[in-house]
Amino acid sequence: MPLAWPAGFLIPITLTLLAGIAGTAVAQGVNLFPAPGAESTGQSELTALAAAYPDRISGAELHDGEWALSMDGEWFVWAHGRLLPEVERGDWERYAQFRFYRYALGDLPPLPSLDDESAARLKKLLEASRSHPPRRSEVFLERLFRAGSRAETLHRIERVDFLGFSVQVHERIAGALREVASDCEAARSSDSRTAAFLAGLAEIDGFNFRDVAGTLARSYHSYGLAVDLIPRSYAGKIPYWRWVMDKDDRWWATPYERRWSVPQPVVAAFERHGFVWGGKWLFFDAMHFEYRPEILLLAREEMETHAAANPANPSRPSP
């Protein structure tokens, strides 16, 4: 039985990669739009990727009976959610899934509610990941962003003046980050909580060539596609799931009032320009924003579909 999450609750890379350990059941639990008990064909996910990167991806279509993308003359196939070069499609079981998930636009989603059986299974997944860290194929992202090696990635990195800090990011997101800064500055002048939050920042981290903690997959920081907003003080609150998991067996249910957070105008500014916020993840990381325009395209499409079908309750799609 797949783990069940509240509508719109974001399942980030850690659980998506752990699906490679747990097998099909958990993998189905983290796919974006599959019917219950069915695996996604990849059509929605790959169509969104093609729309998000029209200058790099020629399109999404059925190729030899499977949904695939064409980029620089090379086919990348869905491969049970692994998004692999066509020549590697038969090796899909070696890899964890590429991360797609439902994202809650607007307000924070409800906290997840896991029964004892689901909680125990999640704990076992995390324990297994320590001895067998999950690995995602990096070929698609490395081709998409022309960032295969550290040297190749550095060639694509530029400095952006962002909210009073100099931040290194991939050239792909430099313009979007400047738009986020403009929106945040507008919010600073009209919202006192936003003004206090921005004044309390100590640093903003961008490019860092490393893996995601607990995995063998490159972090979006390693592509220059993520930023962390670091405050001078967390005021006794919790920003990151790993900092509480050893103290609280039910860390995923840490109440929002105990978590360090980012004001909604700042979150909304990032979301308008293609970034998702880690504060909405099950494995929460409230400092973290990363560039995932395809996830936001899917989220907006789902909200529009839900609103059209449910005019009396348009705000939140069902699970």
C-alpha atoms as a PDB file:
ATOM      1  CA  MET A   1       0.000   0.000   0.000  1.00  0.00           C
ATOM      2  CA  PRO A   2       1.502   3.416  -0.944  1.00  0.00           C
ATOM      3  CA  LEU A   3       2.021   6.022   1.733  1.00  0.00           C
ATOM      4  CA  ALA A   4      -0.820   8.560   1.616  1.00  0.00           C
ATOM      5  CA  TRP A   5      -0.089  12.278   1.758  1.00  0.00           C
ATOM      6  CA  PRO A   6      -2.452  15.252   2.101  1.00  0.00           C
ATOM      7  CA  ALA A   7      -3.562  16.973  -1.078  1.00  0.00           C
ATOM      8  CA  GLY A   8      -0.862  19.261  -2.382  1.00  0.00           C
ATOM      9  CA  PHE A   9       1.803  18.140   0.091  1.00  0.00           C
ATOM     10  CA  LEU A  10       5.128  18.178  -1.675  1.00  0.00           C
ATOM     11  CA  ILE A  11       7.257  15.014  -1.712  1.00  0.00           C
ATOM     12  CA  PRO A  12      10.855  16.133  -2.289  1.00  0.00           C
ATOM     13  CA  ILE A  13      13.948  14.445  -3.632  1.00  0.00           C
ATOM     14  CA  THR A  14      14.755  12.372  -0.552  1.00  0.00           C
ATOM     15  CA  LEU A  15      11.554  10.328  -0.648  1.00  0.00           C
ATOM     16  CA  THR A  16      11.539  10.193  -4.439  1.00  0.00           C
ATOM     17  CA  LEU A  17      15.037   8.743  -4.348  1.00  0.00           C
ATOM     18  CA  LEU A  18      14.129   6.389  -1.512  1.00  0.00           C
ATOM     19  CA  ALA A  19      11.462   4.995  -3.807  1.00  0.00           C
ATOM     20  CA  GLY A  20      14.286   3.284  -5.619  1.00  0.00           C
ATOM     21  CA  ILE A  21      14.925   1.285  -2.461  1.00  0.00           C
ATOM     22  CA  ALA A  22      11.344   0.599  -1.494  1.00  0.00           C
ATOM     23  CA  GLY A  23      10.101  -0.557  -4.879  1.00  0.00           C
ATOM     24  CA  THR A  24       6.981   0.137  -6.878  1.00  0.00           C
ATOM     25  CA  ALA A  25       4.563   0.721  -4.008  1.00  0.00           C
ATOM     26  CA  VAL A  26       6.295   3.795  -2.625  1.00  0.00           C
ATOM     27  CA  ALA A  27       7.279   4.921  -6.106  1.00  0.00           C
ATOM     28  CA  GLN A  28       3.581   5.091  -6.973  1.00  0.00           C
ATOM     29  CA  GLY A  29       2.996   7.105  -3.842  1.00  0.00           C
ATOM     30  CA  VAL A  30       5.275   9.894  -5.054  1.00  0.00           C
ATOM     31  CA  ASN A  31       4.337  10.098  -8.727  1.00  0.00           C
ATOM     32  CA  LEU A  32       2.521  13.304  -9.596  1.00  0.00           C
ATOM     33  CA  PHE A  33      -0.738  12.339 -11.287  1.00  0.00           C
ATOM     34  CA  PRO A  34      -1.074   8.539 -11.503  1.00  0.00           C
ATOM     35  CA  ALA A  35      -4.427   6.937 -10.866  1.00  0.00           C
ATOM     36  CA  PRO A  36      -4.516   4.944  -7.615  1.00  0.00           C
ATOM     37  CA  GLY A  37      -2.496   1.781  -8.069  1.00  0.00           C
ATOM     38  CA  ALA A  38      -1.199   2.815 -11.500  1.00  0.00           C
ATOM     39  CA  GLU A  39       2.157   4.136 -12.638  1.00  0.00           C
ATOM     40  CA  SER A  40       2.366   7.444 -14.471  1.00  0.00           C
ATOM     41  CA  THR A  41       3.019   7.238 -18.197  1.00  0.00           C
ATOM     42  CA  GLY A  42       5.078  10.440 -17.988  1.00  0.00           C
ATOM     43  CA  GLN A  43       2.926  12.343 -20.475  1.00  0.00           C
ATOM     44  CA  SER A  44       1.974  15.201 -18.113  1.00  0.00           C
ATOM     45  CA  GLU A  45       5.432  15.475 -16.572  1.00  0.00           C
ATOM     46  CA  LEU A  46       7.356  15.487 -19.846  1.00  0.00           C
ATOM     47  CA  THR A  47       4.886  17.860 -21.509  1.00  0.00           C
ATOM     48  CA  ALA A  48       5.455  20.276 -18.620  1.00  0.00           C
ATOM     49  CA  LEU A  49       9.237  19.982 -18.973  1.00  0.00           C
ATOM     50  CA  ALA A  50       8.998  20.724 -22.691  1.00  0.00           C
ATOM     51  CA  ALA A  51       6.842  23.789 -21.974  1.00  0.00           C
ATOM     52  CA  ALA A  52       9.233  25.015 -19.275  1.00  0.00           C
ATOM     53  CA  TYR A  53      12.328  24.728 -21.480  1.00  0.00           C
ATOM     54  CA  PRO A  54      11.182  25.296 -25.084  1.00  0.00           C
ATOM     55  CA  ASP A  55      14.627  26.546 -26.110  1.00  0.00           C
ATOM     56  CA  ARG A  56      16.266  23.285 -24.999  1.00  0.00           C
ATOM     57  CA  ILE A  57      13.604  20.593 -25.440  1.00  0.00           C
ATOM     58  CA  SER A  58      12.142  20.005 -28.896  1.00  0.00           C
ATOM     59  CA  GLY A  59       8.970  18.463 -27.506  1.00  0.00           C
ATOM     60  CA  ALA A  60       7.385  15.547 -25.672  1.00  0.00           C
ATOM     61  CA  GLU A  61       5.876  12.691 -27.670  1.00  0.00           C
ATOM     62  CA  LEU A  62       5.431   8.951 -27.835  1.00  0.00           C
ATOM     63  CA  HIS A  63       8.663   7.393 -29.062  1.00  0.00           C
ATOM     64  CA  ASP A  64       8.772   3.643 -29.631  1.00  0.00           C
ATOM     65  CA  GLY A  65       5.709   3.265 -27.435  1.00  0.00           C
ATOM     66  CA  GLU A  66       6.978   5.348 -24.498  1.00  0.00           C
ATOM     67  CA  TRP A  67       6.737   9.029 -23.635  1.00  0.00           C
ATOM     68  CA  ALA A  68      10.029  10.758 -24.310  1.00  0.00           C
ATOM     69  CA  LEU A  69      11.755  14.125 -24.825  1.00  0.00           C
ATOM     70  CA  SER A  70      14.058  15.157 -27.638  1.00  0.00           C
ATOM     71  CA  MET A  71      16.998  17.414 -26.785  1.00  0.00           C
ATOM     72  CA  ASP A  72      20.050  18.190 -28.914  1.00  0.00           C
ATOM     73  CA  GLY A  73      19.183  15.281 -31.179  1.00  0.00           C
ATOM     74  CA  GLU A  74      19.045  12.776 -28.298  1.00  0.00           C
ATOM     75  CA  TRP A  75      15.988  11.010 -26.896  1.00  0.00           C
ATOM     76  CA  PHE A  76      15.327  10.835 -23.154  1.00  0.00           C
ATOM     77  CA  VAL A  77      12.653   8.289 -22.233  1.00  0.00           C
ATOM     78  CA  TRP A  78      10.351   8.234 -19.208  1.00  0.00           C
ATOM     79  CA  ALA A  79      11.627   4.772 -18.173  1.00  0.00           C
ATOM     80  CA  HIS A  80       9.310   4.289 -15.167  1.00  0.00           C
ATOM     81  CA  GLY A  81      10.026   7.831 -14.001  1.00  0.00           C
ATOM     82  CA  ARG A  82      13.824   7.634 -14.281  1.00  0.00           C
ATOM     83  CA  LEU A  83      14.115   9.955 -17.334  1.00  0.00           C
ATOM     84  CA  LEU A  84      17.031   8.220 -19.007  1.00  0.00           C
ATOM     85  CA  PRO A  85      18.892   8.454 -22.313  1.00  0.00           C
ATOM     86  CA  GLU A  86      17.268   6.061 -24.751  1.00  0.00           C
ATOM     87  CA  VAL A  87      20.321   3.797 -24.751  1.00  0.00           C
ATOM     88  CA  GLU A  88      19.924   3.284 -20.970  1.00  0.00           C
ATOM     89  CA  ARG A  89      16.182   2.634 -20.877  1.00  0.00           C
ATOM     90  CA  GLY A  90      16.730  -1.025 -20.021  1.00  0.00           C
ATOM     91  CA  ASP A  91      18.786  -0.094 -16.946  1.00  0.00           C
ATOM     92  CA  TRP A  92      16.006   1.847 -15.215  1.00  0.00           C
ATOM     93  CA  GLU A  93      16.015  -0.350 -12.103  1.00  0.00           C
ATOM     94  CA  ARG A  94      19.538   0.887 -11.267  1.00  0.00           C
ATOM     95  CA  TYR A  95      18.244   4.380 -10.583  1.00  0.00           C
ATOM     96  CA  ALA A  96      15.828   6.220  -8.346  1.00  0.00           C
ATOM     97  CA  GLN A  97      13.032   8.228  -9.904  1.00  0.00           C
ATOM     98  CA  PHE A  98      13.401  11.746 -11.220  1.00  0.00           C
ATOM     99  CA  ARG A  99      11.551  14.016  -8.822  1.00  0.00           C
ATOM    100  CA  PHE A 100       8.035  15.006  -9.771  1.00  0.00           C
ATOM    101  CA  TYR A 101       5.438  15.808  -7.138  1.00  0.00           C
ATOM    102  CA  ARG A 102       2.295  17.746  -6.398  1.00  0.00           C
ATOM    103  CA  TYR A 103       3.059  21.248  -5.200  1.00  0.00           C
ATOM    104  CA  ALA A 104       0.705  23.388  -3.110  1.00  0.00           C
ATOM    105  CA  LEU A 105       0.534  26.904  -4.495  1.00  0.00           C
ATOM    106  CA  GLY A 106      -0.488  29.649  -2.084  1.00  0.00           C
ATOM    107  CA  ASP A 107      -0.975  28.789   1.576  1.00  0.00           C
ATOM    108  CA  LEU A 108       0.864  26.016   3.420  1.00  0.00           C
ATOM    109  CA  PRO A 109      -0.678  22.558   2.917  1.00  0.00           C
ATOM    110  CA  PRO A 110      -2.010  20.551   5.869  1.00  0.00           C
ATOM    111  CA  LEU A 111       0.626  18.629   7.777  1.00  0.00           C
ATOM    112  CA  PRO A 112       0.861  14.943   6.851  1.00  0.00           C
ATOM    113  CA  SER A 113      -0.850  12.405   9.071  1.00  0.00           C
ATOM    114  CA  LEU A 114       0.905   9.029   9.066  1.00  0.00           C
ATOM    115  CA  ASP A 115      -0.472   6.004  10.877  1.00  0.00           C
ATOM    116  CA  ASP A 116       1.912   3.803  12.875  1.00  0.00           C
ATOM    117  CA  GLU A 117       2.443   1.378   9.983  1.00  0.00           C
ATOM    118  CA  SER A 118       3.298   4.145   7.517  1.00  0.00           C
ATOM    119  CA  ALA A 119       5.576   5.837  10.049  1.00  0.00           C
ATOM    120  CA  ALA A 120       7.447   2.586  10.648  1.00  0.00           C
ATOM    121  CA  ARG A 121       7.877   2.037   6.908  1.00  0.00           C
ATOM    122  CA  LEU A 122       9.172   5.565   6.427  1.00  0.00           C
ATOM    123  CA  LYS A 123      11.682   5.025   9.239  1.00  0.00           C
ATOM    124  CA  LYS A 124      12.904   1.819   7.568  1.00  0.00           C
ATOM    125  CA  LEU A 125      13.306   3.657   4.269  1.00  0.00           C
ATOM    126  CA  LEU A 126      15.503   6.269   5.908  1.00  0.00           C
ATOM    127  CA  GLU A 127      17.578   3.620   7.658  1.00  0.00           C
ATOM    128  CA  ALA A 128      18.051   1.768   4.359  1.00  0.00           C
ATOM    129  CA  SER A 129      19.137   4.966   2.632  1.00  0.00           C
ATOM    130  CA  ARG A 130      22.031   5.389   5.064  1.00  0.00           C
ATOM    131  CA  SER A 131      23.628   2.105   4.003  1.00  0.00           C
ATOM    132  CA  HIS A 132      22.484   2.244   0.368  1.00  0.00           C
ATOM    133  CA  PRO A 133      22.173   5.914  -0.610  1.00  0.00           C
ATOM    134  CA  PRO A 134      19.789   6.300  -3.562  1.00  0.00           C
ATOM    135  CA  ARG A 135      21.231   7.394  -6.914  1.00  0.00           C
ATOM    136  CA  ARG A 136      19.434   9.331  -9.623  1.00  0.00           C
ATOM    137  CA  SER A 137      20.695   9.430 -13.203  1.00  0.00           C
ATOM    138  CA  GLU A 138      22.101  12.927 -13.738  1.00  0.00           C
ATOM    139  CA  VAL A 139      22.412  12.742 -17.529  1.00  0.00           C
ATOM    140  CA  PHE A 140      19.169  14.583 -18.338  1.00  0.00           C
ATOM    141  CA  LEU A 141      19.855  17.519 -16.000  1.00  0.00           C
ATOM    142  CA  GLU A 142      23.491  17.712 -17.029  1.00  0.00           C
ATOM    143  CA  ARG A 143      22.483  17.942 -20.692  1.00  0.00           C
ATOM    144  CA  LEU A 144      19.594  20.326 -20.049  1.00  0.00           C
ATOM    145  CA  PHE A 145      21.734  22.848 -18.185  1.00  0.00           C
ATOM    146  CA  ARG A 146      25.001  22.055 -19.996  1.00  0.00           C
ATOM    147  CA  ALA A 147      26.524  21.341 -16.595  1.00  0.00           C
ATOM    148  CA  GLY A 148      28.056  17.877 -16.714  1.00  0.00           C
ATOM    149  CA  SER A 149      31.216  18.468 -14.688  1.00  0.00           C
ATOM    150  CA  ARG A 150      32.231  20.983 -12.072  1.00  0.00           C
ATOM    151  CA  ALA A 151      34.274  22.866 -14.681  1.00  0.00           C
ATOM    152  CA  GLU A 152      31.410  22.855 -17.195  1.00  0.00           C
ATOM    153  CA  THR A 153      28.984  24.033 -14.519  1.00  0.00           C
ATOM    154  CA  LEU A 154      31.291  26.850 -13.399  1.00  0.00           C
ATOM    155  CA  HIS A 155      31.312  28.090 -16.988  1.00  0.00           C
ATOM    156  CA  ARG A 156      27.541  28.643 -16.642  1.00  0.00           C
ATOM    157  CA  ILE A 157      27.657  30.357 -13.230  1.00  0.00           C
ATOM    158  CA  GLU A 158      27.253  34.096 -12.814  1.00  0.00           C
ATOM    159  CA  ARG A 159      26.956  36.446  -9.862  1.00  0.00           C
ATOM    160  CA  VAL A 160      23.641  38.146  -9.151  1.00  0.00           C
ATOM    161  CA  ASP A 161      23.021  40.993  -6.711  1.00  0.00           C
ATOM    162  CA  PHE A 162      20.101  39.590  -4.745  1.00  0.00           C
ATOM    163  CA  LEU A 163      18.515  41.312  -1.748  1.00  0.00           C
ATOM    164  CA  GLY A 164      21.810  42.933  -0.817  1.00  0.00           C
ATOM    165  CA  PHE A 165      23.941  39.814  -1.304  1.00  0.00           C
ATOM    166  CA  SER A 166      26.152  38.604  -4.131  1.00  0.00           C
ATOM    167  CA  VAL A 167      24.915  35.131  -5.073  1.00  0.00           C
ATOM    168  CA  GLN A 168      26.360  32.653  -7.576  1.00  0.00           C
ATOM    169  CA  VAL A 169      23.712  30.937  -9.713  1.00  0.00           C
ATOM    170  CA  HIS A 170      23.327  29.295 -13.115  1.00  0.00           C
ATOM    171  CA  GLU A 171      22.908  31.793 -15.932  1.00  0.00           C
ATOM    172  CA  ARG A 172      19.546  30.163 -16.665  1.00  0.00           C
ATOM    173  CA  ILE A 173      17.947  31.570 -13.504  1.00  0.00           C
ATOM    174  CA  ALA A 174      19.798  34.884 -13.143  1.00  0.00           C
ATOM    175  CA  GLY A 175      16.974  36.885 -14.720  1.00  0.00           C
ATOM    176  CA  ALA A 176      14.281  35.072 -12.730  1.00  0.00           C
ATOM    177  CA  LEU A 177      16.167  35.721  -9.492  1.00  0.00           C
ATOM    178  CA  ARG A 178      16.376  39.429 -10.285  1.00  0.00           C
ATOM    179  CA  GLU A 179      12.594  39.453 -10.778  1.00  0.00           C
ATOM    180  CA  VAL A 180      12.160  37.737  -7.404  1.00  0.00           C
ATOM    181  CA  ALA A 181      14.340  40.432  -5.817  1.00  0.00           C
ATOM    182  CA  SER A 182      12.234  43.183  -7.389  1.00  0.00           C
ATOM    183  CA  ASP A 183       9.023  41.646  -6.040  1.00  0.00           C
ATOM    184  CA  CYS A 184      10.561  41.170  -2.588  1.00  0.00           C
ATOM    185  CA  GLU A 185      11.685  44.783  -2.459  1.00  0.00           C
ATOM    186  CA  ALA A 186       8.142  45.877  -3.310  1.00  0.00           C
ATOM    187  CA  ALA A 187       6.820  43.652  -0.509  1.00  0.00           C
ATOM    188  CA  ARG A 188       9.428  45.064   1.893  1.00  0.00           C
ATOM    189  CA  SER A 189       7.886  48.525   1.578  1.00  0.00           C
ATOM    190  CA  SER A 190       4.313  47.345   2.155  1.00  0.00           C
ATOM    191  CA  ASP A 191       4.614  44.467   4.628  1.00  0.00           C
ATOM    192  CA  SER A 192       6.364  44.864   7.992  1.00  0.00           C
ATOM    193  CA  ARG A 193       6.968  41.118   8.502  1.00  0.00           C
ATOM    194  CA  THR A 194       8.653  40.862   5.109  1.00  0.00           C
ATOM    195  CA  ALA A 195      10.764  43.923   5.894  1.00  0.00           C
ATOM    196  CA  ALA A 196      11.883  42.407   9.220  1.00  0.00           C
ATOM    197  CA  PHE A 197      12.603  39.046   7.595  1.00  0.00           C
ATOM    198  CA  LEU A 198      14.752  40.534   4.835  1.00  0.00           C
ATOM    199  CA  ALA A 199      16.606  42.736   7.327  1.00  0.00           C
ATOM    200  CA  GLY A 200      17.358  39.629   9.405  1.00  0.00           C
ATOM    201  CA  LEU A 201      19.101  37.667   6.654  1.00  0.00           C
ATOM    202  CA  ALA A 202      22.772  36.893   7.296  1.00  0.00           C
ATOM    203  CA  GLU A 203      23.643  35.303   3.947  1.00  0.00           C
ATOM    204  CA  ILE A 204      22.174  33.764   0.805  1.00  0.00           C
ATOM    205  CA  ASP A 205      23.872  30.644  -0.534  1.00  0.00           C
ATOM    206  CA  GLY A 206      23.646  29.589  -4.166  1.00  0.00           C
ATOM    207  CA  PHE A 207      26.011  27.432  -6.218  1.00  0.00           C
ATOM    208  CA  ASN A 208      27.693  24.629  -4.264  1.00  0.00           C
ATOM    209  CA  PHE A 209      28.929  21.554  -6.117  1.00  0.00           C
ATOM    210  CA  ARG A 210      27.680  18.766  -3.819  1.00  0.00           C
ATOM    211  CA  ASP A 211      25.171  15.927  -3.478  1.00  0.00           C
ATOM    212  CA  VAL A 212      21.876  16.061  -1.610  1.00  0.00           C
ATOM    213  CA  ALA A 213      22.508  15.003   1.985  1.00  0.00           C
ATOM    214  CA  GLY A 214      21.924  11.277   2.399  1.00  0.00           C
ATOM    215  CA  THR A 215      21.914  10.499  -1.342  1.00  0.00           C
ATOM    216  CA  LEU A 216      24.241  10.050  -4.314  1.00  0.00           C
ATOM    217  CA  ALA A 217      22.288  12.586  -6.379  1.00  0.00           C
ATOM    218  CA  ARG A 218      23.542  16.047  -7.238  1.00  0.00           C
ATOM    219  CA  SER A 219      21.843  18.831  -5.336  1.00  0.00           C
ATOM    220  CA  TYR A 220      20.171  21.587  -7.334  1.00  0.00           C
ATOM    221  CA  HIS A 221      22.760  23.798  -5.637  1.00  0.00           C
ATOM    222  CA  SER A 222      25.392  21.895  -7.617  1.00  0.00           C
ATOM    223  CA  TYR A 223      23.767  23.124 -10.835  1.00  0.00           C
ATOM    224  CA  GLY A 224      23.415  26.680  -9.528  1.00  0.00           C
ATOM    225  CA  LEU A 225      19.623  26.311  -9.549  1.00  0.00           C
ATOM    226  CA  ALA A 226      18.871  26.760  -5.842  1.00  0.00           C
ATOM    227  CA  VAL A 227      19.333  29.375  -3.131  1.00  0.00           C
ATOM    228  CA  ASP A 228      19.197  29.130   0.663  1.00  0.00           C
ATOM    229  CA  LEU A 229      18.070  32.122   2.719  1.00  0.00           C
ATOM    230  CA  ILE A 230      20.062  32.019   5.978  1.00  0.00           C
ATOM    231  CA  PRO A 231      18.959  34.257   8.878  1.00  0.00           C
ATOM    232  CA  ARG A 232      21.104  35.685  11.656  1.00  0.00           C
ATOM    233  CA  SER A 233      18.966  33.675  14.074  1.00  0.00           C
ATOM    234  CA  TYR A 234      16.336  30.949  13.809  1.00  0.00           C
ATOM    235  CA  ALA A 235      14.849  32.246  17.076  1.00  0.00           C
ATOM    236  CA  GLY A 236      14.657  28.747  18.532  1.00  0.00           C
ATOM    237  CA  LYS A 237      12.601  27.411  15.623  1.00  0.00           C
ATOM    238  CA  ILE A 238      13.318  24.480  13.310  1.00  0.00           C
ATOM    239  CA  PRO A 239      14.111  25.129   9.622  1.00  0.00           C
ATOM    240  CA  TYR A 240      15.211  21.669   8.488  1.00  0.00           C
ATOM    241  CA  TRP A 241      13.892  18.133   9.029  1.00  0.00           C
ATOM    242  CA  ARG A 242      17.310  16.554   9.612  1.00  0.00           C
ATOM    243  CA  TRP A 243      17.914  18.878  12.566  1.00  0.00           C
ATOM    244  CA  VAL A 244      14.945  17.428  14.447  1.00  0.00           C
ATOM    245  CA  MET A 245      14.614  13.825  13.222  1.00  0.00           C
ATOM    246  CA  ASP A 246      16.939  12.387  15.900  1.00  0.00           C
ATOM    247  CA  LYS A 247      14.992  14.147  18.651  1.00  0.00           C
ATOM    248  CA  ASP A 248      11.455  13.512  17.440  1.00  0.00           C
ATOM    249  CA  ASP A 249      10.291  10.261  15.813  1.00  0.00           C
ATOM    250  CA  ARG A 250       7.379  12.134  14.245  1.00  0.00           C
ATOM    251  CA  TRP A 251       9.440  14.992  12.852  1.00  0.00           C
ATOM    252  CA  TRP A 252       7.204  15.303   9.766  1.00  0.00           C
ATOM    253  CA  ALA A 253       4.352  16.471  12.019  1.00  0.00           C
ATOM    254  CA  THR A 254       6.404  19.272  13.603  1.00  0.00           C
ATOM    255  CA  PRO A 255       3.767  22.035  13.927  1.00  0.00           C
ATOM    256  CA  TYR A 256       4.216  25.002  11.658  1.00  0.00           C
ATOM    257  CA  GLU A 257       4.409  27.302  14.673  1.00  0.00           C
ATOM    258  CA  ARG A 258       7.572  25.451  15.785  1.00  0.00           C
ATOM    259  CA  ARG A 259       9.186  25.734  12.364  1.00  0.00           C
ATOM    260  CA  TRP A 260      11.252  28.636  11.114  1.00  0.00           C
ATOM    261  CA  SER A 261       9.468  30.021   8.086  1.00  0.00           C
ATOM    262  CA  VAL A 262       9.524  32.556   5.266  1.00  0.00           C
ATOM    263  CA  PRO A 263       6.817  35.232   4.908  1.00  0.00           C
ATOM    264  CA  GLN A 264       4.184  34.426   2.303  1.00  0.00           C
ATOM    265  CA  PRO A 265       4.983  37.491   0.108  1.00  0.00           C
ATOM    266  CA  VAL A 266       8.555  36.197  -0.280  1.00  0.00           C
ATOM    267  CA  VAL A 267       7.387  32.651  -1.045  1.00  0.00           C
ATOM    268  CA  ALA A 268       4.878  34.012  -3.564  1.00  0.00           C
ATOM    269  CA  ALA A 269       7.582  36.078  -5.263  1.00  0.00           C
ATOM    270  CA  PHE A 270       9.735  32.993  -5.759  1.00  0.00           C
ATOM    271  CA  GLU A 271       6.792  30.924  -6.993  1.00  0.00           C
ATOM    272  CA  ARG A 272       5.801  33.572  -9.548  1.00  0.00           C
ATOM    273  CA  HIS A 273       9.204  33.239 -11.168  1.00  0.00           C
ATOM    274  CA  GLY A 274       9.628  29.469 -11.295  1.00  0.00           C
ATOM    275  CA  PHE A 275      10.918  28.462  -7.831  1.00  0.00           C
ATOM    276  CA  VAL A 276       9.427  25.960  -5.380  1.00  0.00           C
ATOM    277  CA  TRP A 277       9.900  26.361  -1.628  1.00  0.00           C
ATOM    278  CA  GLY A 278      11.272  23.592   0.593  1.00  0.00           C
ATOM    279  CA  GLY A 279       9.055  24.734   3.468  1.00  0.00           C
ATOM    280  CA  LYS A 280       6.196  22.897   1.754  1.00  0.00           C
ATOM    281  CA  TRP A 281       8.060  19.596   1.565  1.00  0.00           C
ATOM    282  CA  LEU A 282       7.389  16.578   3.742  1.00  0.00           C
ATOM    283  CA  PHE A 283      11.173  16.524   4.302  1.00  0.00           C
ATOM    284  CA  PHE A 284      10.976  20.239   5.025  1.00  0.00           C
ATOM    285  CA  ASP A 285      13.841  22.617   4.299  1.00  0.00           C
ATOM    286  CA  ALA A 286      12.467  26.089   4.878  1.00  0.00           C
ATOM    287  CA  MET A 287      15.693  27.862   3.897  1.00  0.00           C
ATOM    288  CA  HIS A 288      15.638  26.358   0.426  1.00  0.00           C
ATOM    289  CA  PHE A 289      14.210  27.526  -2.902  1.00  0.00           C
ATOM    290  CA  GLU A 290      14.944  25.755  -6.183  1.00  0.00           C
ATOM    291  CA  TYR A 291      14.074  26.408  -9.806  1.00  0.00           C
ATOM    292  CA  ARG A 292      11.370  23.960 -10.962  1.00  0.00           C
ATOM    293  CA  PRO A 293       9.107  25.782 -13.448  1.00  0.00           C
ATOM    294  CA  GLU A 294       7.696  22.477 -14.722  1.00  0.00           C
ATOM    295  CA  ILE A 295       6.405  21.627 -11.226  1.00  0.00           C
ATOM    296  CA  LEU A 296       4.656  24.978 -11.005  1.00  0.00           C
ATOM    297  CA  LEU A 297       3.137  24.576 -14.478  1.00  0.00           C
ATOM    298  CA  LEU A 298       1.630  21.281 -13.374  1.00  0.00           C
ATOM    299  CA  ALA A 299       0.419  22.773 -10.093  1.00  0.00           C
ATOM    300  CA  ARG A 300      -1.309  25.672 -11.850  1.00  0.00           C
ATOM    301  CA  GLU A 301      -2.866  23.344 -14.399  1.00  0.00           C
ATOM    302  CA  GLU A 302      -4.210  21.121 -11.638  1.00  0.00           C
ATOM    303  CA  MET A 303      -5.616  24.110  -9.735  1.00  0.00           C
ATOM    304  CA  GLU A 304      -7.336  25.400 -12.866  1.00  0.00           C
ATOM    305  CA  THR A 305      -8.829  21.993 -13.592  1.00  0.00           C
ATOM    306  CA  HIS A 306     -10.004  21.641  -9.999  1.00  0.00           C
ATOM    307  CA  ALA A 307     -11.492  25.146  -9.929  1.00  0.00           C
ATOM    308  CA  ALA A 308     -13.438  24.519 -13.144  1.00  0.00           C
ATOM    309  CA  ALA A 309     -14.838  21.254 -11.782  1.00  0.00           C
ATOM    310  CA  ASN A 310     -15.460  22.572  -8.243  1.00  0.00           C
ATOM    311  CA  PRO A 311     -16.561  26.224  -8.450  1.00  0.00           C
ATOM    312  CA  ALA A 312     -17.885  26.097  -4.874  1.00  0.00           C
ATOM    313  CA  ASN A 313     -14.473  25.001  -3.482  1.00  0.00           C
ATOM    314  CA  PRO A 314     -11.783  26.038  -5.977  1.00  0.00           C
ATOM    315  CA  SER A 315      -8.788  26.475  -3.665  1.00  0.00           C
ATOM    316  CA  ARG A 316      -7.370  22.994  -3.029  1.00  0.00           C
ATOM    317  CA  PRO A 317      -7.425  19.912  -5.306  1.00  0.00           C
ATOM    318  CA  SER A 318      -8.245  16.531  -3.809  1.00  0.00           C
ATOM    319  CA  PRO A 319      -5.538  13.894  -3.359  1.00  0.00           C
END
